[in-house]
Every structure is written in C-alpha cells, then in structure tokens.
Amino acid sequence: MGFAISDEMIGTFAPILVYWVYSGIYVVLGCFGDYRLHSKKDEDEKNLVSKATVVKGVLLQQIIQAVVAILLFTVTGNDGGTAVGQQFSVIVLARQFVMAMLVLDTWQYFMHRYMHHNKFLYKHIHSQHHRLVVPYAFGALYNHPLEGLLLDTIGGALSFLLSGMSPRASIFFFSFATIKTVDDHCGLWLPGNLFHVFFKNNTAYHDIHHQLYGSKYNFSQPFFVLWDRILGTYMPYSLEKREGGGFEAQPIKDGKEE
C-alpha cells in the first residue's frame, strides 16, 4: 500500500522548496560579476541587515504562509475546479492563472503603495524589506511578519479563492509566482532570461524601486506593470554597463523608454 501525498500538502510546501532551490541557483550565478546590477561590495556595504537575519525572517514568513495555506485548504475542501473535464483543461487553467495574477497584482499594488505613503506603516513595517537596498534572491520574502501576512499570504489566498483554481492547480501557480518573485529580487540581469522578455516587471524594474529615487515608483509586483501605468507611478529605466563589470539600472529622466 503506497503512501500518497495530497495536492493540498504539495501546494503548501512546494513553493517553499522552490524558493530555496531557485534562490540557491541565483546565489551561485551571482558569483559572476558580469550579470550583477550591483557589485558584491555594494551588496555587503549598503544593505542594513545581515544575511542570517534575512534567512530567519524568510523562514518565519514561510511558516506563517504554510499554516494559513493548510487552514485555507481545510476550510475550502477539494471542490474548486476539480470537476472531470475542468481539471485538465488548458483553457480553464489559463483563465484561472490570469485571474489569479490580476488579483494578486491588484492587491499587492495598493497595499504596497499604501505602506509607502503611510509614514507609520513604512517606518514600523515596510522599511524592514527596504533594509535590502541591494536586493538578492533569498531576500525576496524578507518582510515584517505583518507585511508578509497582509501582502503575500492574504493576497495569495484571495487569488486562490477568486480564481477558483483547485489545490492541484495552485501547486503550479504559487510555484510560478515564487519563481517570479525570487527573479525580481535576484539582482541579476541574465542573458536569455524569459522573465525579462515577457514581463516589463522584472529584476531591473524592481531594483529601481529599492533605490531612494525610486521608492515612490514601480510598486507593481509580481507580474505586470498595469497599475503603475494607470496611476502614474511608473518609472522607466535604461540598463547601462557598469564600470568594473555588470549592469546598472538608471531611471530615464524624461519618462520615455528607449
């Protein structure tokens, strides 16, 4: 008699495993200075928090996410999107993915923007994430626990519920969202990176937001730049070769992309 692992259990823990495996790949690639948006020296000197503290903070957030995911799956059961003919329909899955992406983007844009404009929330909560002036891959989910709950965990729960996806579909969606979030924070501009081809919201776009001049721009995450475009918080950039190797994302002053 075999031991079966439920879709709910995989959906809870697969994104966590994906996070650390994918981050580890980027840590190795970060050893090559020609791909970096900031030098290794800047990463060590400008960041205001140790990597050990970042790891502890991320693990705490992932524990909270896992608990909420288990509760969510328990409450909702295994009914959503699992009817015969739906589960394996590419069209249905694509629709659910797009819906989930839009819901997650909308929730995170407005919550993220509000945390920047509310001085109390920024000082006591969101500024923790911005201690990483030079972002790196496994710092993607380094947040205050309350921010992690509000932005990521609740945002993920809403995207799951409103899209109507099944626990099995959620395995792929949240693993994909995790990979995208790690990529946005990895601080690398890698040749042939498909995320940079298909998404305007990418590593350099989010790097602009982590700099002082871009802290009130480029709030969108993790997929599209829709809300930044609509509400005037979009800051375009150009990629310049950095002296000593690598690239540097520079804001375009007149707001026109090259």
C-alpha atoms as a PDB file:
ATOM      1  CA  MET A   1       0.000   0.000   0.000  1.00  0.00           C
ATOM      2  CA  GLY A   2       1.640   3.213  -1.188  1.00  0.00           C
ATOM      3  CA  PHE A   3       1.860   6.472   0.689  1.00  0.00           C
ATOM      4  CA  ALA A   4       0.010   9.249  -1.131  1.00  0.00           C
ATOM      5  CA  ILE A   5       0.766  12.909  -0.570  1.00  0.00           C
ATOM      6  CA  SER A   6      -2.256  15.126  -1.065  1.00  0.00           C
ATOM      7  CA  ASP A   7      -2.382  18.031  -3.506  1.00  0.00           C
ATOM      8  CA  GLU A   8      -3.033  20.295  -0.522  1.00  0.00           C
ATOM      9  CA  MET A   9       0.175  19.207   1.178  1.00  0.00           C
ATOM     10  CA  ILE A  10       2.204  19.652  -2.007  1.00  0.00           C
ATOM     11  CA  GLY A  11       0.540  23.009  -2.629  1.00  0.00           C
ATOM     12  CA  THR A  12       1.575  24.122   0.850  1.00  0.00           C
ATOM     13  CA  PHE A  13       5.217  23.100   0.785  1.00  0.00           C
ATOM     14  CA  ALA A  14       6.243  23.045  -2.913  1.00  0.00           C
ATOM     15  CA  PRO A  15       6.543  26.867  -3.162  1.00  0.00           C
ATOM     16  CA  ILE A  16       8.791  26.863  -0.070  1.00  0.00           C
ATOM     17  CA  LEU A  17      11.086  24.245  -1.592  1.00  0.00           C
ATOM     18  CA  VAL A  18      11.055  26.064  -4.927  1.00  0.00           C
ATOM     19  CA  TYR A  19      12.007  29.318  -3.173  1.00  0.00           C
ATOM     20  CA  TRP A  20      15.195  27.946  -1.639  1.00  0.00           C
ATOM     21  CA  VAL A  21      16.257  25.839  -4.618  1.00  0.00           C
ATOM     22  CA  TYR A  22      15.746  28.690  -7.097  1.00  0.00           C
ATOM     23  CA  SER A  23      17.399  31.196  -4.764  1.00  0.00           C
ATOM     24  CA  GLY A  24      20.371  28.866  -4.417  1.00  0.00           C
ATOM     25  CA  ILE A  25      20.820  28.797  -8.183  1.00  0.00           C
ATOM     26  CA  TYR A  26      20.897  32.598  -8.265  1.00  0.00           C
ATOM     27  CA  VAL A  27      23.371  32.753  -5.377  1.00  0.00           C
ATOM     28  CA  VAL A  28      25.765  30.669  -7.484  1.00  0.00           C
ATOM     29  CA  LEU A  29      25.149  32.770 -10.607  1.00  0.00           C
ATOM     30  CA  GLY A  30      25.719  35.919  -8.540  1.00  0.00           C
ATOM     31  CA  CYS A  31      29.381  34.946  -8.300  1.00  0.00           C
ATOM     32  CA  PHE A  32      29.704  36.104 -11.916  1.00  0.00           C
ATOM     33  CA  GLY A  33      30.026  39.889 -11.725  1.00  0.00           C
ATOM     34  CA  ASP A  34      29.090  40.443 -15.378  1.00  0.00           C
ATOM     35  CA  TYR A  35      25.438  39.676 -14.598  1.00  0.00           C
ATOM     36  CA  ARG A  36      25.020  41.761 -11.451  1.00  0.00           C
ATOM     37  CA  LEU A  37      23.041  45.027 -11.172  1.00  0.00           C
ATOM     38  CA  HIS A  38      25.124  45.981  -8.122  1.00  0.00           C
ATOM     39  CA  SER A  39      28.628  45.000  -7.160  1.00  0.00           C
ATOM     40  CA  LYS A  40      29.254  42.441  -4.440  1.00  0.00           C
ATOM     41  CA  LYS A  41      30.910  45.215  -2.446  1.00  0.00           C
ATOM     42  CA  ASP A  42      27.731  47.323  -2.597  1.00  0.00           C
ATOM     43  CA  GLU A  43      25.652  44.333  -1.517  1.00  0.00           C
ATOM     44  CA  ASP A  44      27.860  43.869   1.551  1.00  0.00           C
ATOM     45  CA  GLU A  45      28.152  47.562   2.458  1.00  0.00           C
ATOM     46  CA  LYS A  46      24.775  49.119   1.599  1.00  0.00           C
ATOM     47  CA  ASN A  47      22.404  46.503   3.000  1.00  0.00           C
ATOM     48  CA  LEU A  48      21.310  47.218   6.558  1.00  0.00           C
ATOM     49  CA  VAL A  49      20.598  43.660   7.697  1.00  0.00           C
ATOM     50  CA  SER A  50      22.702  40.511   7.898  1.00  0.00           C
ATOM     51  CA  LYS A  51      22.011  37.514   5.697  1.00  0.00           C
ATOM     52  CA  ALA A  52      21.466  35.335   8.759  1.00  0.00           C
ATOM     53  CA  THR A  53      18.692  37.681   9.892  1.00  0.00           C
ATOM     54  CA  VAL A  54      17.187  37.607   6.390  1.00  0.00           C
ATOM     55  CA  VAL A  55      17.098  33.795   6.393  1.00  0.00           C
ATOM     56  CA  LYS A  56      15.382  33.754   9.802  1.00  0.00           C
ATOM     57  CA  GLY A  57      12.857  36.361   8.643  1.00  0.00           C
ATOM     58  CA  VAL A  58      12.011  34.445   5.479  1.00  0.00           C
ATOM     59  CA  LEU A  59      11.608  31.154   7.355  1.00  0.00           C
ATOM     60  CA  LEU A  60       9.229  32.836   9.810  1.00  0.00           C
ATOM     61  CA  GLN A  61       7.123  34.156   6.960  1.00  0.00           C
ATOM     62  CA  GLN A  62       7.066  30.764   5.251  1.00  0.00           C
ATOM     63  CA  ILE A  63       5.883  29.101   8.465  1.00  0.00           C
ATOM     64  CA  ILE A  64       3.011  31.600   8.655  1.00  0.00           C
ATOM     65  CA  GLN A  65       2.192  31.020   4.977  1.00  0.00           C
ATOM     66  CA  ALA A  66       2.169  27.245   5.472  1.00  0.00           C
ATOM     67  CA  VAL A  67      -0.196  27.482   8.447  1.00  0.00           C
ATOM     68  CA  VAL A  68      -2.583  29.773   6.543  1.00  0.00           C
ATOM     69  CA  ALA A  69      -2.436  27.529   3.450  1.00  0.00           C
ATOM     70  CA  ILE A  70      -3.310  24.431   5.488  1.00  0.00           C
ATOM     71  CA  LEU A  71      -6.217  26.264   7.117  1.00  0.00           C
ATOM     72  CA  LEU A  72      -7.415  27.561   3.740  1.00  0.00           C
ATOM     73  CA  PHE A  73      -7.319  24.139   2.105  1.00  0.00           C
ATOM     74  CA  THR A  74      -9.097  22.637   5.128  1.00  0.00           C
ATOM     75  CA  VAL A  75     -11.890  25.214   5.035  1.00  0.00           C
ATOM     76  CA  THR A  76     -12.421  25.204   1.256  1.00  0.00           C
ATOM     77  CA  GLY A  77     -12.085  21.453   0.796  1.00  0.00           C
ATOM     78  CA  ASN A  78     -11.112  19.976  -2.551  1.00  0.00           C
ATOM     79  CA  ASP A  79     -14.052  21.037  -4.690  1.00  0.00           C
ATOM     80  CA  GLY A  80     -12.819  24.073  -6.614  1.00  0.00           C
ATOM     81  CA  GLY A  81     -12.032  23.394 -10.237  1.00  0.00           C
ATOM     82  CA  THR A  82     -11.724  19.611  -9.884  1.00  0.00           C
ATOM     83  CA  ALA A  83     -14.690  18.509 -11.949  1.00  0.00           C
ATOM     84  CA  VAL A  84     -13.984  15.995 -14.684  1.00  0.00           C
ATOM     85  CA  GLY A  85     -13.006  17.830 -17.854  1.00  0.00           C
ATOM     86  CA  GLN A  86     -12.047  21.014 -15.990  1.00  0.00           C
ATOM     87  CA  GLN A  87      -9.009  19.780 -14.123  1.00  0.00           C
ATOM     88  CA  PHE A  88      -7.122  19.047 -17.316  1.00  0.00           C
ATOM     89  CA  SER A  89      -8.494  21.836 -19.468  1.00  0.00           C
ATOM     90  CA  VAL A  90      -5.710  24.140 -20.616  1.00  0.00           C
ATOM     91  CA  ILE A  91      -8.215  26.920 -21.311  1.00  0.00           C
ATOM     92  CA  VAL A  92      -9.684  26.735 -17.808  1.00  0.00           C
ATOM     93  CA  LEU A  93      -6.245  26.643 -16.204  1.00  0.00           C
ATOM     94  CA  ALA A  94      -5.062  29.584 -18.305  1.00  0.00           C
ATOM     95  CA  ARG A  95      -8.119  31.602 -17.312  1.00  0.00           C
ATOM     96  CA  GLN A  96      -7.576  30.787 -13.651  1.00  0.00           C
ATOM     97  CA  PHE A  97      -3.895  31.699 -13.850  1.00  0.00           C
ATOM     98  CA  VAL A  98      -4.592  35.057 -15.484  1.00  0.00           C
ATOM     99  CA  MET A  99      -7.326  35.826 -12.969  1.00  0.00           C
ATOM    100  CA  ALA A 100      -5.065  34.871 -10.057  1.00  0.00           C
ATOM    101  CA  MET A 101      -2.244  37.017 -11.463  1.00  0.00           C
ATOM    102  CA  LEU A 102      -4.506  40.049 -11.801  1.00  0.00           C
ATOM    103  CA  VAL A 103      -5.976  39.607  -8.317  1.00  0.00           C
ATOM    104  CA  LEU A 104      -2.537  39.192  -6.737  1.00  0.00           C
ATOM    105  CA  ASP A 105      -1.116  42.177  -8.626  1.00  0.00           C
ATOM    106  CA  THR A 106      -4.056  44.411  -7.707  1.00  0.00           C
ATOM    107  CA  TRP A 107      -3.972  43.508  -4.028  1.00  0.00           C
ATOM    108  CA  GLN A 108      -0.217  43.875  -3.723  1.00  0.00           C
ATOM    109  CA  TYR A 109      -0.029  47.141  -5.673  1.00  0.00           C
ATOM    110  CA  PHE A 110      -2.483  49.018  -3.458  1.00  0.00           C
ATOM    111  CA  MET A 111      -1.255  47.510  -0.192  1.00  0.00           C
ATOM    112  CA  HIS A 112       2.383  48.076  -1.173  1.00  0.00           C
ATOM    113  CA  ARG A 113       1.748  51.656  -2.249  1.00  0.00           C
ATOM    114  CA  TYR A 114      -0.182  52.446   0.926  1.00  0.00           C
ATOM    115  CA  MET A 115       2.675  51.118   3.056  1.00  0.00           C
ATOM    116  CA  HIS A 116       4.995  53.593   1.364  1.00  0.00           C
ATOM    117  CA  HIS A 117       2.700  56.585   1.719  1.00  0.00           C
ATOM    118  CA  ASN A 118       1.605  55.908   5.288  1.00  0.00           C
ATOM    119  CA  LYS A 119       4.579  57.092   7.362  1.00  0.00           C
ATOM    120  CA  PHE A 120       3.721  54.940  10.366  1.00  0.00           C
ATOM    121  CA  LEU A 121       3.368  51.742   8.312  1.00  0.00           C
ATOM    122  CA  TYR A 122       6.539  52.458   6.375  1.00  0.00           C
ATOM    123  CA  LYS A 123       8.635  53.219   9.452  1.00  0.00           C
ATOM    124  CA  HIS A 124       7.431  50.305  11.567  1.00  0.00           C
ATOM    125  CA  ILE A 125       6.620  47.648   8.949  1.00  0.00           C
ATOM    126  CA  HIS A 126       7.591  48.087   5.298  1.00  0.00           C
ATOM    127  CA  SER A 127      11.003  49.664   5.915  1.00  0.00           C
ATOM    128  CA  GLN A 128      12.172  46.218   7.045  1.00  0.00           C
ATOM    129  CA  HIS A 129      12.033  44.994   3.440  1.00  0.00           C
ATOM    130  CA  HIS A 130      13.909  48.080   2.255  1.00  0.00           C
ATOM    131  CA  ARG A 131      16.825  47.348   4.510  1.00  0.00           C
ATOM    132  CA  LEU A 132      17.889  45.413   1.430  1.00  0.00           C
ATOM    133  CA  VAL A 133      18.992  48.368  -0.676  1.00  0.00           C
ATOM    134  CA  VAL A 134      20.768  45.879  -2.907  1.00  0.00           C
ATOM    135  CA  PRO A 135      18.243  43.024  -3.305  1.00  0.00           C
ATOM    136  CA  TYR A 136      19.320  39.416  -3.633  1.00  0.00           C
ATOM    137  CA  ALA A 137      17.386  36.244  -4.378  1.00  0.00           C
ATOM    138  CA  PHE A 138      16.708  34.700  -0.973  1.00  0.00           C
ATOM    139  CA  GLY A 139      15.789  38.111   0.428  1.00  0.00           C
ATOM    140  CA  ALA A 140      12.695  38.269  -1.790  1.00  0.00           C
ATOM    141  CA  LEU A 141      10.362  37.354   1.072  1.00  0.00           C
ATOM    142  CA  TYR A 142      12.245  39.211   3.785  1.00  0.00           C
ATOM    143  CA  ASN A 143       9.456  41.333   5.277  1.00  0.00           C
ATOM    144  CA  HIS A 144       7.965  42.286   8.592  1.00  0.00           C
ATOM    145  CA  PRO A 145       5.706  39.329   9.574  1.00  0.00           C
ATOM    146  CA  LEU A 146       2.617  41.560   9.433  1.00  0.00           C
ATOM    147  CA  GLU A 147       3.500  42.712   5.922  1.00  0.00           C
ATOM    148  CA  GLY A 148       4.111  39.139   4.848  1.00  0.00           C
ATOM    149  CA  LEU A 149       0.674  38.228   6.158  1.00  0.00           C
ATOM    150  CA  LEU A 150      -1.100  41.201   4.548  1.00  0.00           C
ATOM    151  CA  LEU A 151       0.628  41.348   1.162  1.00  0.00           C
ATOM    152  CA  ASP A 152       1.752  37.841   0.349  1.00  0.00           C
ATOM    153  CA  THR A 153      -0.322  35.438   2.404  1.00  0.00           C
ATOM    154  CA  ILE A 154      -3.712  37.175   2.203  1.00  0.00           C
ATOM    155  CA  GLY A 155      -3.012  38.231  -1.392  1.00  0.00           C
ATOM    156  CA  GLY A 156      -2.266  34.625  -2.282  1.00  0.00           C
ATOM    157  CA  ALA A 157      -5.396  33.388  -0.506  1.00  0.00           C
ATOM    158  CA  LEU A 158      -7.545  35.894  -2.417  1.00  0.00           C
ATOM    159  CA  SER A 159      -6.019  34.943  -5.770  1.00  0.00           C
ATOM    160  CA  PHE A 160      -6.663  31.256  -4.990  1.00  0.00           C
ATOM    161  CA  LEU A 161     -10.279  31.815  -3.934  1.00  0.00           C
ATOM    162  CA  LEU A 162     -11.325  34.325  -6.597  1.00  0.00           C
ATOM    163  CA  SER A 163      -9.720  32.422  -9.478  1.00  0.00           C
ATOM    164  CA  GLY A 164     -11.478  29.191  -8.489  1.00  0.00           C
ATOM    165  CA  MET A 165      -8.370  27.093  -9.003  1.00  0.00           C
ATOM    166  CA  SER A 166      -8.019  23.662  -7.453  1.00  0.00           C
ATOM    167  CA  PRO A 167      -5.336  22.720  -4.931  1.00  0.00           C
ATOM    168  CA  ARG A 168      -3.531  20.892  -7.736  1.00  0.00           C
ATOM    169  CA  ALA A 169      -3.550  23.981  -9.955  1.00  0.00           C
ATOM    170  CA  SER A 170      -2.351  26.067  -7.018  1.00  0.00           C
ATOM    171  CA  ILE A 171       0.821  23.969  -6.835  1.00  0.00           C
ATOM    172  CA  PHE A 172       1.868  25.272 -10.239  1.00  0.00           C
ATOM    173  CA  PHE A 173       0.569  28.802  -9.820  1.00  0.00           C
ATOM    174  CA  PHE A 174       2.235  29.526  -6.485  1.00  0.00           C
ATOM    175  CA  SER A 175       5.451  27.810  -7.528  1.00  0.00           C
ATOM    176  CA  PHE A 176       5.472  30.038 -10.614  1.00  0.00           C
ATOM    177  CA  ALA A 177       4.686  33.134  -8.527  1.00  0.00           C
ATOM    178  CA  THR A 178       7.508  32.203  -6.161  1.00  0.00           C
ATOM    179  CA  ILE A 179       9.997  31.845  -9.005  1.00  0.00           C
ATOM    180  CA  LYS A 180       8.896  35.217 -10.401  1.00  0.00           C
ATOM    181  CA  THR A 181       9.247  36.932  -7.021  1.00  0.00           C
ATOM    182  CA  VAL A 182      12.724  35.482  -6.484  1.00  0.00           C
ATOM    183  CA  ASP A 183      13.719  36.541 -10.004  1.00  0.00           C
ATOM    184  CA  ASP A 184      12.523  40.109  -9.372  1.00  0.00           C
ATOM    185  CA  HIS A 185      14.790  40.382  -6.331  1.00  0.00           C
ATOM    186  CA  CYS A 186      17.796  38.419  -7.556  1.00  0.00           C
ATOM    187  CA  GLY A 187      19.812  41.487  -8.598  1.00  0.00           C
ATOM    188  CA  LEU A 188      20.978  39.751 -11.782  1.00  0.00           C
ATOM    189  CA  TRP A 189      20.395  40.542 -15.434  1.00  0.00           C
ATOM    190  CA  LEU A 190      20.914  37.181 -17.072  1.00  0.00           C
ATOM    191  CA  PRO A 191      21.089  36.687 -20.854  1.00  0.00           C
ATOM    192  CA  GLY A 192      18.122  34.753 -22.218  1.00  0.00           C
ATOM    193  CA  ASN A 193      16.021  35.206 -19.082  1.00  0.00           C
ATOM    194  CA  LEU A 194      12.452  34.683 -20.330  1.00  0.00           C
ATOM    195  CA  PHE A 195      11.019  36.752 -17.474  1.00  0.00           C
ATOM    196  CA  HIS A 196      12.860  39.757 -18.909  1.00  0.00           C
ATOM    197  CA  VAL A 197      11.467  39.005 -22.345  1.00  0.00           C
ATOM    198  CA  PHE A 198       7.800  38.575 -21.403  1.00  0.00           C
ATOM    199  CA  PHE A 199       7.450  40.832 -18.344  1.00  0.00           C
ATOM    200  CA  LYS A 200       8.129  44.558 -18.044  1.00  0.00           C
ATOM    201  CA  ASN A 201       8.011  43.953 -14.309  1.00  0.00           C
ATOM    202  CA  ASN A 202      11.403  42.338 -13.885  1.00  0.00           C
ATOM    203  CA  THR A 203      14.673  42.427 -11.943  1.00  0.00           C
ATOM    204  CA  ALA A 204      15.736  45.891 -13.093  1.00  0.00           C
ATOM    205  CA  TYR A 205      12.225  47.332 -12.760  1.00  0.00           C
ATOM    206  CA  HIS A 206      12.025  46.287  -9.121  1.00  0.00           C
ATOM    207  CA  ASP A 207      15.618  47.303  -8.445  1.00  0.00           C
ATOM    208  CA  ILE A 208      14.631  50.879  -9.315  1.00  0.00           C
ATOM    209  CA  HIS A 209      12.009  50.710  -6.558  1.00  0.00           C
ATOM    210  CA  HIS A 210      14.616  49.658  -3.983  1.00  0.00           C
ATOM    211  CA  GLN A 211      16.711  52.769  -4.631  1.00  0.00           C
ATOM    212  CA  LEU A 212      15.966  56.046  -2.826  1.00  0.00           C
ATOM    213  CA  TYR A 213      14.971  57.888  -6.012  1.00  0.00           C
ATOM    214  CA  GLY A 214      12.508  55.137  -6.954  1.00  0.00           C
ATOM    215  CA  SER A 215      10.869  54.443  -3.598  1.00  0.00           C
ATOM    216  CA  LYS A 216       7.602  56.143  -4.654  1.00  0.00           C
ATOM    217  CA  TYR A 217       7.547  54.413  -8.045  1.00  0.00           C
ATOM    218  CA  ASN A 218       7.316  50.906  -9.514  1.00  0.00           C
ATOM    219  CA  PHE A 219       5.091  49.491  -6.783  1.00  0.00           C
ATOM    220  CA  SER A 220       3.699  46.745  -9.036  1.00  0.00           C
ATOM    221  CA  GLN A 221       4.523  43.157  -8.160  1.00  0.00           C
ATOM    222  CA  PRO A 222       4.962  40.434  -9.046  1.00  0.00           C
ATOM    223  CA  PHE A 223       3.723  40.162 -12.639  1.00  0.00           C
ATOM    224  CA  PHE A 224       2.512  43.212 -14.583  1.00  0.00           C
ATOM    225  CA  VAL A 225       3.088  46.989 -14.528  1.00  0.00           C
ATOM    226  CA  LEU A 226      -0.591  47.721 -15.197  1.00  0.00           C
ATOM    227  CA  TRP A 227      -1.393  49.735 -12.069  1.00  0.00           C
ATOM    228  CA  ASP A 228       1.849  51.719 -12.189  1.00  0.00           C
ATOM    229  CA  ARG A 229       0.979  52.714 -15.750  1.00  0.00           C
ATOM    230  CA  ILE A 230      -2.631  53.626 -14.965  1.00  0.00           C
ATOM    231  CA  LEU A 231      -1.908  55.578 -11.781  1.00  0.00           C
ATOM    232  CA  GLY A 232       1.259  57.394 -12.833  1.00  0.00           C
ATOM    233  CA  THR A 233       3.780  55.603 -10.615  1.00  0.00           C
ATOM    234  CA  TYR A 234       5.682  54.018 -13.481  1.00  0.00           C
ATOM    235  CA  MET A 235       9.394  54.917 -13.654  1.00  0.00           C
ATOM    236  CA  PRO A 236      11.070  53.687 -16.851  1.00  0.00           C
ATOM    237  CA  TYR A 237      14.750  52.807 -16.840  1.00  0.00           C
ATOM    238  CA  SER A 238      17.687  52.062 -19.065  1.00  0.00           C
ATOM    239  CA  LEU A 239      20.369  49.463 -18.495  1.00  0.00           C
ATOM    240  CA  GLU A 240      23.902  50.808 -18.573  1.00  0.00           C
ATOM    241  CA  LYS A 241      27.186  48.933 -18.458  1.00  0.00           C
ATOM    242  CA  ARG A 242      28.779  49.426 -15.054  1.00  0.00           C
ATOM    243  CA  GLU A 243      32.459  50.207 -14.738  1.00  0.00           C
ATOM    244  CA  GLY A 244      34.102  47.082 -13.410  1.00  0.00           C
ATOM    245  CA  GLY A 245      31.537  44.750 -14.953  1.00  0.00           C
ATOM    246  CA  GLY A 246      27.844  44.105 -14.797  1.00  0.00           C
ATOM    247  CA  PHE A 247      24.904  46.425 -15.384  1.00  0.00           C
ATOM    248  CA  GLU A 248      23.184  49.317 -13.669  1.00  0.00           C
ATOM    249  CA  ALA A 249      19.520  50.276 -13.955  1.00  0.00           C
ATOM    250  CA  GLN A 250      19.207  54.042 -14.423  1.00  0.00           C
ATOM    251  CA  PRO A 251      15.922  55.992 -14.388  1.00  0.00           C
ATOM    252  CA  ILE A 252      15.076  57.755 -17.649  1.00  0.00           C
ATOM    253  CA  LYS A 253      14.629  61.409 -16.787  1.00  0.00           C
ATOM    254  CA  ASP A 254      12.077  62.363 -19.446  1.00  0.00           C
ATOM    255  CA  GLY A 255       9.990  59.265 -18.778  1.00  0.00           C
ATOM    256  CA  LYS A 256      10.405  57.941 -22.315  1.00  0.00           C
ATOM    257  CA  GLU A 257      11.762  54.476 -22.763  1.00  0.00           C
ATOM    258  CA  GLU A 258      14.470  53.804 -25.272  1.00  0.00           C
END
